[in-house]
Amino acid sequence: EFSHEKDQLLETGGGLIFAKKLLEQEED
């Protein structure tokens, strides 16, 4: 799955939050 930061490069922390919906269901 791709998390497209089209509007702004969000760095590592912002990028992780932006992809939250793709990861939050995982235990880890």
PDB file of all heavy atoms in Angstrom:
ATOM      1  N   GLU A   1       0.860  -1.179   0.000  1.00  0.00           N
ATOM      2  CA  GLU A   1       0.000   0.000   0.000  1.00  0.00           C
ATOM      3  C   GLU A   1       0.902   1.236   0.000  1.00  0.00           C
ATOM      4  O   GLU A   1       1.964   1.237   0.616  1.00  0.00           O
ATOM      5  CB  GLU A   1      -0.905   0.012   1.234  1.00  0.00           C
ATOM      6  CG  GLU A   1      -1.854  -1.174   1.304  1.00  0.00           C
ATOM      7  CD  GLU A   1      -2.571  -1.254   2.642  1.00  0.00           C
ATOM      8  OE1 GLU A   1      -1.907  -1.636   3.626  1.00  0.00           O
ATOM      9  OE2 GLU A   1      -3.765  -0.944   2.694  1.00  0.00           O
ATOM     10  N   PHE A   2       0.443   2.272  -0.670  1.00  0.00           N
ATOM     11  CA  PHE A   2       1.229   3.497  -0.771  1.00  0.00           C
ATOM     12  C   PHE A   2       0.568   4.624   0.015  1.00  0.00           C
ATOM     13  O   PHE A   2      -0.645   4.771   0.013  1.00  0.00           O
ATOM     14  CB  PHE A   2       1.384   3.919  -2.232  1.00  0.00           C
ATOM     15  CG  PHE A   2       2.143   2.927  -3.065  1.00  0.00           C
ATOM     16  CD1 PHE A   2       1.461   2.092  -3.951  1.00  0.00           C
ATOM     17  CD2 PHE A   2       3.514   2.811  -2.973  1.00  0.00           C
ATOM     18  CE1 PHE A   2       2.151   1.171  -4.730  1.00  0.00           C
ATOM     19  CE2 PHE A   2       4.214   1.892  -3.742  1.00  0.00           C
ATOM     20  CZ  PHE A   2       3.532   1.070  -4.614  1.00  0.00           C
ATOM     21  N   SER A   3       1.401   5.405   0.680  1.00  0.00           N
ATOM     22  CA  SER A   3       0.956   6.587   1.396  1.00  0.00           C
ATOM     23  C   SER A   3       1.547   7.797   0.671  1.00  0.00           C
ATOM     24  O   SER A   3       2.724   8.105   0.820  1.00  0.00           O
ATOM     25  CB  SER A   3       1.428   6.538   2.857  1.00  0.00           C
ATOM     26  OG  SER A   3       0.996   7.672   3.572  1.00  0.00           O
ATOM     27  N   HIS A   4       0.730   8.459  -0.143  1.00  0.00           N
ATOM     28  CA  HIS A   4       1.200   9.537  -1.020  1.00  0.00           C
ATOM     29  C   HIS A   4       1.177  10.873  -0.288  1.00  0.00           C
ATOM     30  O   HIS A   4       0.109  11.436  -0.034  1.00  0.00           O
ATOM     31  CB  HIS A   4       0.312   9.626  -2.261  1.00  0.00           C
ATOM     32  CG  HIS A   4       0.391   8.440  -3.169  1.00  0.00           C
ATOM     33  ND1 HIS A   4       1.264   8.371  -4.229  1.00  0.00           N
ATOM     34  CD2 HIS A   4      -0.301   7.260  -3.177  1.00  0.00           C
ATOM     35  CE1 HIS A   4       1.107   7.211  -4.856  1.00  0.00           C
ATOM     36  NE2 HIS A   4       0.168   6.527  -4.242  1.00  0.00           N
ATOM     37  N   GLU A   5       2.339  11.371   0.043  1.00  0.00           N
ATOM     38  CA  GLU A   5       2.449  12.698   0.651  1.00  0.00           C
ATOM     39  C   GLU A   5       2.576  13.721  -0.479  1.00  0.00           C
ATOM     40  O   GLU A   5       3.622  14.341  -0.681  1.00  0.00           O
ATOM     41  CB  GLU A   5       3.645  12.745   1.603  1.00  0.00           C
ATOM     42  CG  GLU A   5       3.519  11.773   2.774  1.00  0.00           C
ATOM     43  CD  GLU A   5       4.787  11.662   3.607  1.00  0.00           C
ATOM     44  OE1 GLU A   5       5.604  12.609   3.572  1.00  0.00           O
ATOM     45  OE2 GLU A   5       4.973  10.624   4.265  1.00  0.00           O
ATOM     46  N   LYS A   6       1.491  13.916  -1.201  1.00  0.00           N
ATOM     47  CA  LYS A   6       1.526  14.705  -2.430  1.00  0.00           C
ATOM     48  C   LYS A   6       1.750  16.188  -2.164  1.00  0.00           C
ATOM     49  O   LYS A   6       2.507  16.848  -2.872  1.00  0.00           O
ATOM     50  CB  LYS A   6       0.221  14.502  -3.209  1.00  0.00           C
ATOM     51  CG  LYS A   6       0.031  13.091  -3.738  1.00  0.00           C
ATOM     52  CD  LYS A   6      -1.285  12.958  -4.478  1.00  0.00           C
ATOM     53  CE  LYS A   6      -1.487  11.536  -4.991  1.00  0.00           C
ATOM     54  NZ  LYS A   6      -2.793  11.369  -5.683  1.00  0.00           N
ATOM     55  N   ASP A   7       1.076  16.722  -1.161  1.00  0.00           N
ATOM     56  CA  ASP A   7       1.099  18.162  -0.949  1.00  0.00           C
ATOM     57  C   ASP A   7       2.360  18.658  -0.261  1.00  0.00           C
ATOM     58  O   ASP A   7       2.844  19.753  -0.538  1.00  0.00           O
ATOM     59  CB  ASP A   7      -0.125  18.600  -0.124  1.00  0.00           C
ATOM     60  CG  ASP A   7      -1.428  18.314  -0.845  1.00  0.00           C
ATOM     61  OD1 ASP A   7      -1.415  18.313  -2.092  1.00  0.00           O
ATOM     62  OD2 ASP A   7      -2.444  18.068  -0.170  1.00  0.00           O
ATOM     63  N   GLN A   8       2.897  17.844   0.657  1.00  0.00           N
ATOM     64  CA  GLN A   8       4.039  18.284   1.453  1.00  0.00           C
ATOM     65  C   GLN A   8       4.810  17.080   1.965  1.00  0.00           C
ATOM     66  O   GLN A   8       4.222  16.089   2.384  1.00  0.00           O
ATOM     67  CB  GLN A   8       3.563  19.125   2.647  1.00  0.00           C
ATOM     68  CG  GLN A   8       4.677  19.638   3.542  1.00  0.00           C
ATOM     69  CD  GLN A   8       4.157  20.317   4.798  1.00  0.00           C
ATOM     70  OE1 GLN A   8       3.012  20.110   5.196  1.00  0.00           O
ATOM     71  NE2 GLN A   8       4.987  21.127   5.435  1.00  0.00           N
ATOM     72  N   LEU A   9       6.130  17.159   1.919  1.00  0.00           N
ATOM     73  CA  LEU A   9       6.980  16.132   2.521  1.00  0.00           C
ATOM     74  C   LEU A   9       6.888  16.279   4.039  1.00  0.00           C
ATOM     75  O   LEU A   9       7.201  17.334   4.585  1.00  0.00           O
ATOM     76  CB  LEU A   9       8.422  16.296   2.048  1.00  0.00           C
ATOM     77  CG  LEU A   9       9.449  15.299   2.579  1.00  0.00           C
ATOM     78  CD1 LEU A   9       9.083  13.881   2.167  1.00  0.00           C
ATOM     79  CD2 LEU A   9      10.836  15.668   2.065  1.00  0.00           C
ATOM     80  N   LEU A  10       6.449  15.237   4.718  1.00  0.00           N
ATOM     81  CA  LEU A  10       6.075  15.341   6.134  1.00  0.00           C
ATOM     82  C   LEU A  10       7.149  14.862   7.101  1.00  0.00           C
ATOM     83  O   LEU A  10       6.920  14.847   8.304  1.00  0.00           O
ATOM     84  CB  LEU A  10       4.771  14.565   6.373  1.00  0.00           C
ATOM     85  CG  LEU A  10       3.559  15.129   5.634  1.00  0.00           C
ATOM     86  CD1 LEU A  10       2.378  14.172   5.746  1.00  0.00           C
ATOM     87  CD2 LEU A  10       3.184  16.490   6.187  1.00  0.00           C
ATOM     88  N   GLU A  11       8.314  14.467   6.597  1.00  0.00           N
ATOM     89  CA  GLU A  11       9.375  13.885   7.415  1.00  0.00           C
ATOM     90  C   GLU A  11       8.886  12.587   8.066  1.00  0.00           C
ATOM     91  O   GLU A  11       7.786  12.114   7.821  1.00  0.00           O
ATOM     92  CB  GLU A  11       9.906  14.891   8.443  1.00  0.00           C
ATOM     93  CG  GLU A  11      10.598  16.086   7.798  1.00  0.00           C
ATOM     94  CD  GLU A  11      11.320  16.960   8.821  1.00  0.00           C
ATOM     95  OE1 GLU A  11      11.575  16.489   9.944  1.00  0.00           O
ATOM     96  OE2 GLU A  11      11.627  18.110   8.475  1.00  0.00           O
ATOM     97  N   THR A  12       9.712  12.001   8.913  1.00  0.00           N
ATOM     98  CA  THR A  12       9.413  10.656   9.421  1.00  0.00           C
ATOM     99  C   THR A  12       8.198  10.620  10.342  1.00  0.00           C
ATOM    100  O   THR A  12       7.352   9.723  10.241  1.00  0.00           O
ATOM    101  CB  THR A  12      10.638  10.089  10.149  1.00  0.00           C
ATOM    102  OG1 THR A  12      11.101  11.047  11.115  1.00  0.00           O
ATOM    103  CG2 THR A  12      11.757   9.788   9.165  1.00  0.00           C
ATOM    104  N   GLY A  13       8.088  11.585  11.245  1.00  0.00           N
ATOM    105  CA  GLY A  13       6.964  11.582  12.177  1.00  0.00           C
ATOM    106  C   GLY A  13       5.653  11.911  11.495  1.00  0.00           C
ATOM    107  O   GLY A  13       4.648  11.208  11.657  1.00  0.00           O
ATOM    108  N   GLY A  14       5.665  12.987  10.714  1.00  0.00           N
ATOM    109  CA  GLY A  14       4.461  13.361   9.995  1.00  0.00           C
ATOM    110  C   GLY A  14       4.045  12.302   8.996  1.00  0.00           C
ATOM    111  O   GLY A  14       2.861  12.036   8.801  1.00  0.00           O
ATOM    112  N   GLY A  15       5.047  11.656   8.375  1.00  0.00           N
ATOM    113  CA  GLY A  15       4.744  10.590   7.428  1.00  0.00           C
ATOM    114  C   GLY A  15       4.092   9.394   8.091  1.00  0.00           C
ATOM    115  O   GLY A  15       3.199   8.761   7.520  1.00  0.00           O
ATOM    116  N   LEU A  16       4.537   9.072   9.301  1.00  0.00           N
ATOM    117  CA  LEU A  16       3.927   7.973  10.037  1.00  0.00           C
ATOM    118  C   LEU A  16       2.481   8.298  10.386  1.00  0.00           C
ATOM    119  O   LEU A  16       1.590   7.459  10.211  1.00  0.00           O
ATOM    120  CB  LEU A  16       4.730   7.675  11.306  1.00  0.00           C
ATOM    121  CG  LEU A  16       4.171   6.585  12.213  1.00  0.00           C
ATOM    122  CD1 LEU A  16       4.073   5.251  11.476  1.00  0.00           C
ATOM    123  CD2 LEU A  16       5.019   6.435  13.475  1.00  0.00           C
ATOM    124  N   ILE A  17       2.222   9.510  10.877  1.00  0.00           N
ATOM    125  CA  ILE A  17       0.850   9.907  11.203  1.00  0.00           C
ATOM    126  C   ILE A  17      -0.031   9.883   9.960  1.00  0.00           C
ATOM    127  O   ILE A  17      -1.183   9.457  10.002  1.00  0.00           O
ATOM    128  CB  ILE A  17       0.837  11.316  11.845  1.00  0.00           C
ATOM    129  CG1 ILE A  17       1.547  11.287  13.188  1.00  0.00           C
ATOM    130  CG2 ILE A  17      -0.584  11.830  12.012  1.00  0.00           C
ATOM    131  CD1 ILE A  17       0.922  10.364  14.200  1.00  0.00           C
ATOM    132  N   PHE A  18       0.517  10.343   8.834  1.00  0.00           N
ATOM    133  CA  PHE A  18      -0.243  10.374   7.585  1.00  0.00           C
ATOM    134  C   PHE A  18      -0.659   8.960   7.160  1.00  0.00           C
ATOM    135  O   PHE A  18      -1.714   8.772   6.544  1.00  0.00           O
ATOM    136  CB  PHE A  18       0.606  11.043   6.500  1.00  0.00           C
ATOM    137  CG  PHE A  18      -0.152  11.436   5.268  1.00  0.00           C
ATOM    138  CD1 PHE A  18      -1.014  12.520   5.283  1.00  0.00           C
ATOM    139  CD2 PHE A  18       0.007  10.731   4.078  1.00  0.00           C
ATOM    140  CE1 PHE A  18      -1.711  12.892   4.137  1.00  0.00           C
ATOM    141  CE2 PHE A  18      -0.675  11.095   2.938  1.00  0.00           C
ATOM    142  CZ  PHE A  18      -1.544  12.181   2.968  1.00  0.00           C
ATOM    143  N   ALA A  19       0.161   7.973   7.506  1.00  0.00           N
ATOM    144  CA  ALA A  19      -0.124   6.579   7.137  1.00  0.00           C
ATOM    145  C   ALA A  19      -0.841   5.819   8.250  1.00  0.00           C
ATOM    146  O   ALA A  19      -1.012   4.600   8.160  1.00  0.00           O
ATOM    147  CB  ALA A  19       1.188   5.866   6.795  1.00  0.00           C
ATOM    148  N   LYS A  20      -1.274   6.516   9.269  1.00  0.00           N
ATOM    149  CA  LYS A  20      -1.863   5.879  10.447  1.00  0.00           C
ATOM    150  C   LYS A  20      -2.975   4.897  10.101  1.00  0.00           C
ATOM    151  O   LYS A  20      -3.031   3.779  10.640  1.00  0.00           O
ATOM    152  CB  LYS A  20      -2.407   6.947  11.404  1.00  0.00           C
ATOM    153  CG  LYS A  20      -3.114   6.402  12.628  1.00  0.00           C
ATOM    154  CD  LYS A  20      -3.637   7.530  13.517  1.00  0.00           C
ATOM    155  CE  LYS A  20      -4.434   6.987  14.696  1.00  0.00           C
ATOM    156  NZ  LYS A  20      -4.962   8.093  15.553  1.00  0.00           N
ATOM    157  N   LYS A  21      -3.851   5.277   9.199  1.00  0.00           N
ATOM    158  CA  LYS A  21      -5.000   4.420   8.866  1.00  0.00           C
ATOM    159  C   LYS A  21      -4.577   3.074   8.283  1.00  0.00           C
ATOM    160  O   LYS A  21      -5.344   2.102   8.320  1.00  0.00           O
ATOM    161  CB  LYS A  21      -5.929   5.146   7.890  1.00  0.00           C
ATOM    162  CG  LYS A  21      -5.307   5.467   6.548  1.00  0.00           C
ATOM    163  CD  LYS A  21      -6.279   6.257   5.675  1.00  0.00           C
ATOM    164  CE  LYS A  21      -5.668   6.563   4.296  1.00  0.00           C
ATOM    165  NZ  LYS A  21      -4.478   7.440   4.408  1.00  0.00           N
ATOM    166  N   LEU A  22      -3.353   3.006   7.757  1.00  0.00           N
ATOM    167  CA  LEU A  22      -2.852   1.766   7.171  1.00  0.00           C
ATOM    168  C   LEU A  22      -2.127   0.891   8.185  1.00  0.00           C
ATOM    169  O   LEU A  22      -1.785  -0.250   7.879  1.00  0.00           O
ATOM    170  CB  LEU A  22      -1.904   2.080   6.010  1.00  0.00           C
ATOM    171  CG  LEU A  22      -2.485   2.935   4.879  1.00  0.00           C
ATOM    172  CD1 LEU A  22      -1.405   3.259   3.854  1.00  0.00           C
ATOM    173  CD2 LEU A  22      -3.666   2.234   4.220  1.00  0.00           C
ATOM    174  N   LEU A  23      -1.892   1.430   9.394  1.00  0.00           N
ATOM    175  CA  LEU A  23      -1.066   0.740  10.384  1.00  0.00           C
ATOM    176  C   LEU A  23      -1.739   0.531  11.733  1.00  0.00           C
ATOM    177  O   LEU A  23      -1.346  -0.351  12.492  1.00  0.00           O
ATOM    178  CB  LEU A  23       0.232   1.539  10.612  1.00  0.00           C
ATOM    179  CG  LEU A  23       1.163   1.676   9.416  1.00  0.00           C
ATOM    180  CD1 LEU A  23       2.170   2.803   9.651  1.00  0.00           C
ATOM    181  CD2 LEU A  23       1.891   0.368   9.139  1.00  0.00           C
ATOM    182  N   GLU A  24      -2.734   1.334  12.069  1.00  0.00           N
ATOM    183  CA  GLU A  24      -3.253   1.359  13.429  1.00  0.00           C
ATOM    184  C   GLU A  24      -3.970   0.074  13.842  1.00  0.00           C
ATOM    185  O   GLU A  24      -4.163  -0.162  15.036  1.00  0.00           O
ATOM    186  CB  GLU A  24      -4.187   2.553  13.625  1.00  0.00           C
ATOM    187  CG  GLU A  24      -5.415   2.549  12.742  1.00  0.00           C
ATOM    188  CD  GLU A  24      -6.228   3.831  12.898  1.00  0.00           C
ATOM    189  OE1 GLU A  24      -6.034   4.533  13.896  1.00  0.00           O
ATOM    190  OE2 GLU A  24      -7.060   4.118  12.017  1.00  0.00           O
ATOM    191  N   GLN A  25      -4.353  -0.768  12.889  1.00  0.00           N
ATOM    192  CA  GLN A  25      -5.012  -2.021  13.231  1.00  0.00           C
ATOM    193  C   GLN A  25      -4.023  -3.125  13.599  1.00  0.00           C
ATOM    194  O   GLN A  25      -4.417  -4.188  14.083  1.00  0.00           O
ATOM    195  CB  GLN A  25      -5.898  -2.492  12.069  1.00  0.00           C
ATOM    196  CG  GLN A  25      -6.997  -1.515  11.692  1.00  0.00           C
ATOM    197  CD  GLN A  25      -7.905  -1.150  12.853  1.00  0.00           C
ATOM    198  OE1 GLN A  25      -8.316  -2.025  13.622  1.00  0.00           O
ATOM    199  NE2 GLN A  25      -8.210   0.126  12.993  1.00  0.00           N
ATOM    200  N   GLU A  26      -2.740  -2.868  13.364  1.00  0.00           N
ATOM    201  CA  GLU A  26      -1.702  -3.847  13.692  1.00  0.00           C
ATOM    202  C   GLU A  26      -1.401  -3.810  15.190  1.00  0.00           C
ATOM    203  O   GLU A  26      -1.464  -2.752  15.820  1.00  0.00           O
ATOM    204  CB  GLU A  26      -0.417  -3.539  12.932  1.00  0.00           C
ATOM    205  CG  GLU A  26      -0.584  -3.430  11.427  1.00  0.00           C
ATOM    206  CD  GLU A  26      -1.020  -4.733  10.806  1.00  0.00           C
ATOM    207  OE1 GLU A  26      -0.404  -5.774  11.124  1.00  0.00           O
ATOM    208  OE2 GLU A  26      -1.968  -4.717  10.010  1.00  0.00           O
ATOM    209  N   GLU A  27      -1.056  -4.961  15.758  1.00  0.00           N
ATOM    210  CA  GLU A  27      -0.609  -4.967  17.151  1.00  0.00           C
ATOM    211  C   GLU A  27       0.717  -4.220  17.269  1.00  0.00           C
ATOM    212  O   GLU A  27       0.914  -3.398  18.166  1.00  0.00           O
ATOM    213  CB  GLU A  27      -0.448  -6.404  17.646  1.00  0.00           C
ATOM    214  CG  GLU A  27       0.028  -6.494  19.089  1.00  0.00           C
ATOM    215  CD  GLU A  27       0.162  -7.923  19.580  1.00  0.00           C
ATOM    216  OE1 GLU A  27      -0.264  -8.856  18.863  1.00  0.00           O
ATOM    217  OE2 GLU A  27       0.704  -8.117  20.688  1.00  0.00           O
ATOM    218  N   ASP A  28       1.614  -4.517  16.365  1.00  0.00           N
ATOM    219  CA  ASP A  28       2.862  -3.776  16.249  1.00  0.00           C
ATOM    220  C   ASP A  28       3.320  -3.865  14.797  1.00  0.00           C
ATOM    221  O   ASP A  28       2.806  -4.662  14.012  1.00  0.00           O
ATOM    222  CB  ASP A  28       3.941  -4.287  17.207  1.00  0.00           C
ATOM    223  CG  ASP A  28       4.071  -5.799  17.228  1.00  0.00           C
ATOM    224  OD1 ASP A  28       3.762  -6.421  16.188  1.00  0.00           O
ATOM    225  OD2 ASP A  28       4.465  -6.371  18.248  1.00  0.00           O
TER     226      ASP A  28
END
